[in-house]
Amino acid sequence: MKRLALAIVLFIFAISGAIADPTCHDKATDKKLSGAALNSFMAKCAKDATAACDKTAADKKLSGAAKNSFTTKCVKDATGA
């Protein structure tokens, strides 16, 4: 029972942390970027998101299809695409 309660609490913190992070698209909108500056910013932001998501997947010891699925969703959420 204690494990279940701990798992629920950790899950809630994980979701609230993910919701609070602004996406690359939100950051670009705040900076009022357009054209080449927008493309460059989004490419760098997607690259940084991919690196962070790969690290998270490695920390979770994911591999194969699970890693690919996790990384794809993570990058999509981070970039706001």
N, C-alpha and C. Protein backbone atom coordinates (compact mmCIF):
# COMPACT_ATOMS: atom_id res chain seq x y z
N MET A 1 0.82 -1.19 0.00
CA MET A 1 0.00 0.00 0.00
C MET A 1 0.87 1.26 0.00
N LYS A 2 1.96 1.22 0.76
CA LYS A 2 2.85 2.37 0.80
C LYS A 2 3.48 2.61 -0.56
N ARG A 3 3.82 1.52 -1.24
CA ARG A 3 4.44 1.65 -2.57
C ARG A 3 3.48 2.29 -3.56
N LEU A 4 2.22 1.89 -3.47
CA LEU A 4 1.21 2.46 -4.37
C LEU A 4 1.05 3.96 -4.11
N ALA A 5 0.98 4.34 -2.86
CA ALA A 5 0.84 5.75 -2.51
C ALA A 5 2.06 6.54 -2.98
N LEU A 6 3.26 5.99 -2.80
CA LEU A 6 4.48 6.66 -3.25
C LEU A 6 4.49 6.79 -4.77
N ALA A 7 4.07 5.75 -5.46
CA ALA A 7 4.03 5.79 -6.92
C ALA A 7 3.07 6.86 -7.41
N ILE A 8 1.92 6.99 -6.77
CA ILE A 8 0.94 8.00 -7.16
C ILE A 8 1.49 9.41 -6.94
N VAL A 9 2.13 9.62 -5.81
CA VAL A 9 2.71 10.93 -5.52
C VAL A 9 3.78 11.29 -6.53
N LEU A 10 4.66 10.35 -6.85
CA LEU A 10 5.72 10.61 -7.83
C LEU A 10 5.13 10.88 -9.21
N PHE A 11 4.09 10.15 -9.56
CA PHE A 11 3.43 10.34 -10.85
C PHE A 11 2.84 11.75 -10.94
N ILE A 12 2.22 12.20 -9.88
CA ILE A 12 1.62 13.54 -9.88
C ILE A 12 2.70 14.62 -10.04
N PHE A 13 3.83 14.45 -9.33
CA PHE A 13 4.92 15.41 -9.48
C PHE A 13 5.49 15.39 -10.89
N ALA A 14 5.60 14.23 -11.49
CA ALA A 14 6.14 14.12 -12.84
C ALA A 14 5.22 14.83 -13.84
N ILE A 15 3.93 14.64 -13.70
CA ILE A 15 2.97 15.27 -14.61
C ILE A 15 2.97 16.78 -14.40
N SER A 16 2.96 17.23 -13.17
CA SER A 16 2.92 18.67 -12.93
C SER A 16 4.18 19.34 -13.44
N GLY A 17 5.33 18.67 -13.34
CA GLY A 17 6.57 19.22 -13.87
C GLY A 17 6.56 19.30 -15.37
N ALA A 18 5.99 18.32 -16.02
CA ALA A 18 5.92 18.31 -17.47
C ALA A 18 4.96 19.37 -18.00
N ILE A 19 3.89 19.61 -17.29
CA ILE A 19 2.91 20.59 -17.72
C ILE A 19 3.46 22.01 -17.58
N ALA A 20 4.28 22.25 -16.59
CA ALA A 20 4.78 23.58 -16.31
C ALA A 20 5.83 24.06 -17.31
N ASP A 21 6.51 23.15 -18.00
CA ASP A 21 7.58 23.52 -18.92
C ASP A 21 7.00 24.11 -20.21
N PRO A 22 7.45 25.30 -20.59
CA PRO A 22 6.99 25.86 -21.87
C PRO A 22 7.65 25.11 -23.03
N THR A 23 6.93 24.98 -24.11
CA THR A 23 7.46 24.28 -25.28
C THR A 23 8.34 25.22 -26.10
N CYS A 24 9.05 24.66 -27.05
CA CYS A 24 9.88 25.47 -27.95
C CYS A 24 9.00 26.47 -28.71
N HIS A 25 7.83 26.00 -29.13
CA HIS A 25 6.91 26.88 -29.86
C HIS A 25 6.48 28.05 -28.98
N ASP A 26 6.21 27.78 -27.70
CA ASP A 26 5.83 28.86 -26.78
C ASP A 26 6.97 29.87 -26.60
N LYS A 27 8.18 29.35 -26.48
CA LYS A 27 9.34 30.23 -26.30
C LYS A 27 9.55 31.09 -27.54
N ALA A 28 9.39 30.50 -28.72
CA ALA A 28 9.55 31.25 -29.97
C ALA A 28 8.48 32.33 -30.09
N THR A 29 7.27 32.02 -29.68
CA THR A 29 6.19 33.00 -29.72
C THR A 29 6.48 34.16 -28.78
N ASP A 30 6.97 33.83 -27.58
CA ASP A 30 7.31 34.87 -26.61
C ASP A 30 8.40 35.80 -27.14
N LYS A 31 9.35 35.21 -27.89
CA LYS A 31 10.44 36.01 -28.45
C LYS A 31 10.05 36.69 -29.76
N LYS A 32 8.84 36.39 -30.25
CA LYS A 32 8.31 36.97 -31.49
C LYS A 32 9.25 36.71 -32.68
N LEU A 33 9.71 35.45 -32.78
CA LEU A 33 10.60 35.06 -33.87
C LEU A 33 9.81 34.72 -35.12
N SER A 34 10.41 34.94 -36.28
CA SER A 34 9.81 34.56 -37.55
C SER A 34 10.92 34.33 -38.57
N GLY A 35 10.56 33.68 -39.64
CA GLY A 35 11.50 33.44 -40.74
C GLY A 35 12.67 32.57 -40.36
N ALA A 36 13.86 32.98 -40.78
CA ALA A 36 15.07 32.20 -40.56
C ALA A 36 15.40 32.09 -39.07
N ALA A 37 15.13 33.14 -38.32
CA ALA A 37 15.40 33.10 -36.88
C ALA A 37 14.53 32.05 -36.19
N LEU A 38 13.27 31.96 -36.61
CA LEU A 38 12.37 30.95 -36.06
C LEU A 38 12.84 29.55 -36.41
N ASN A 39 13.22 29.35 -37.68
CA ASN A 39 13.69 28.04 -38.11
C ASN A 39 14.94 27.62 -37.35
N SER A 40 15.86 28.52 -37.19
CA SER A 40 17.10 28.23 -36.48
C SER A 40 16.82 27.91 -35.01
N PHE A 41 15.98 28.72 -34.38
CA PHE A 41 15.64 28.50 -32.98
C PHE A 41 14.96 27.15 -32.78
N MET A 42 14.00 26.83 -33.65
CA MET A 42 13.27 25.57 -33.52
C MET A 42 14.18 24.37 -33.75
N ALA A 43 15.12 24.48 -34.70
CA ALA A 43 16.05 23.38 -34.95
C ALA A 43 16.95 23.15 -33.74
N LYS A 44 17.47 24.22 -33.15
CA LYS A 44 18.32 24.09 -31.98
C LYS A 44 17.53 23.55 -30.79
N CYS A 45 16.33 24.04 -30.63
CA CYS A 45 15.49 23.60 -29.52
C CYS A 45 15.14 22.12 -29.66
N ALA A 46 14.83 21.67 -30.88
CA ALA A 46 14.52 20.26 -31.12
C ALA A 46 15.75 19.39 -30.87
N LYS A 47 16.92 19.87 -31.26
CA LYS A 47 18.16 19.13 -31.02
C LYS A 47 18.42 18.99 -29.52
N ASP A 48 18.24 20.09 -28.78
CA ASP A 48 18.42 20.05 -27.33
C ASP A 48 17.40 19.13 -26.67
N ALA A 49 16.15 19.17 -27.15
CA ALA A 49 15.10 18.31 -26.61
C ALA A 49 15.41 16.85 -26.86
N THR A 50 15.91 16.54 -28.04
CA THR A 50 16.26 15.16 -28.37
C THR A 50 17.35 14.64 -27.45
N ALA A 51 18.36 15.46 -27.20
CA ALA A 51 19.44 15.07 -26.30
C ALA A 51 18.91 14.83 -24.89
N ALA A 52 18.07 15.72 -24.41
CA ALA A 52 17.51 15.58 -23.06
C ALA A 52 16.61 14.34 -22.97
N CYS A 53 15.82 14.10 -24.00
CA CYS A 53 14.92 12.94 -23.99
C CYS A 53 15.70 11.63 -24.09
N ASP A 54 16.77 11.63 -24.88
CA ASP A 54 17.63 10.44 -24.95
C ASP A 54 18.26 10.13 -23.60
N LYS A 55 18.68 11.18 -22.89
CA LYS A 55 19.27 10.99 -21.57
C LYS A 55 18.24 10.44 -20.60
N THR A 56 17.02 10.97 -20.65
CA THR A 56 15.96 10.48 -19.79
C THR A 56 15.63 9.03 -20.09
N ALA A 57 15.60 8.68 -21.38
CA ALA A 57 15.32 7.29 -21.77
C ALA A 57 16.42 6.37 -21.26
N ALA A 58 17.67 6.83 -21.31
CA ALA A 58 18.78 6.02 -20.80
C ALA A 58 18.68 5.87 -19.29
N ASP A 59 18.29 6.95 -18.61
CA ASP A 59 18.12 6.87 -17.15
C ASP A 59 17.02 5.89 -16.77
N LYS A 60 15.99 5.79 -17.62
CA LYS A 60 14.89 4.86 -17.37
C LYS A 60 15.20 3.45 -17.88
N LYS A 61 16.40 3.32 -18.47
CA LYS A 61 16.87 2.04 -19.01
C LYS A 61 15.92 1.48 -20.08
N LEU A 62 15.46 2.36 -20.95
CA LEU A 62 14.61 1.95 -22.05
C LEU A 62 15.49 1.58 -23.25
N SER A 63 14.99 0.65 -24.06
CA SER A 63 15.71 0.28 -25.27
C SER A 63 14.71 -0.17 -26.33
N GLY A 64 15.18 -0.22 -27.55
CA GLY A 64 14.36 -0.69 -28.66
C GLY A 64 13.16 0.20 -28.93
N ALA A 65 12.02 -0.45 -29.17
CA ALA A 65 10.80 0.26 -29.52
C ALA A 65 10.32 1.16 -28.39
N ALA A 66 10.51 0.73 -27.16
CA ALA A 66 10.08 1.55 -26.02
C ALA A 66 10.87 2.86 -25.98
N LYS A 67 12.17 2.78 -26.24
CA LYS A 67 13.00 3.99 -26.25
C LYS A 67 12.59 4.91 -27.39
N ASN A 68 12.38 4.33 -28.58
CA ASN A 68 11.99 5.14 -29.74
C ASN A 68 10.65 5.83 -29.50
N SER A 69 9.69 5.09 -28.96
CA SER A 69 8.38 5.66 -28.69
C SER A 69 8.46 6.76 -27.65
N PHE A 70 9.19 6.51 -26.57
CA PHE A 70 9.34 7.50 -25.50
C PHE A 70 10.02 8.76 -26.03
N THR A 71 11.11 8.58 -26.78
CA THR A 71 11.86 9.72 -27.29
C THR A 71 11.02 10.55 -28.26
N THR A 72 10.29 9.89 -29.13
CA THR A 72 9.45 10.59 -30.10
C THR A 72 8.39 11.43 -29.39
N LYS A 73 7.71 10.84 -28.43
CA LYS A 73 6.68 11.58 -27.68
C LYS A 73 7.29 12.70 -26.87
N CYS A 74 8.43 12.44 -26.23
CA CYS A 74 9.10 13.44 -25.41
C CYS A 74 9.51 14.65 -26.25
N VAL A 75 10.10 14.41 -27.41
CA VAL A 75 10.53 15.51 -28.28
C VAL A 75 9.31 16.28 -28.81
N LYS A 76 8.27 15.54 -29.17
CA LYS A 76 7.06 16.19 -29.66
C LYS A 76 6.45 17.09 -28.58
N ASP A 77 6.42 16.61 -27.36
CA ASP A 77 5.90 17.41 -26.24
C ASP A 77 6.77 18.62 -25.96
N ALA A 78 8.08 18.44 -26.06
CA ALA A 78 9.02 19.53 -25.75
C ALA A 78 8.99 20.63 -26.81
N THR A 79 8.82 20.24 -28.06
CA THR A 79 8.85 21.23 -29.14
C THR A 79 7.49 21.86 -29.38
N GLY A 80 6.44 21.22 -28.95
CA GLY A 80 5.11 21.76 -29.17
C GLY A 80 4.60 21.51 -30.56
N ALA A 81 5.19 20.53 -31.22
CA ALA A 81 4.79 20.22 -32.60
C ALA A 81 3.54 19.37 -32.64
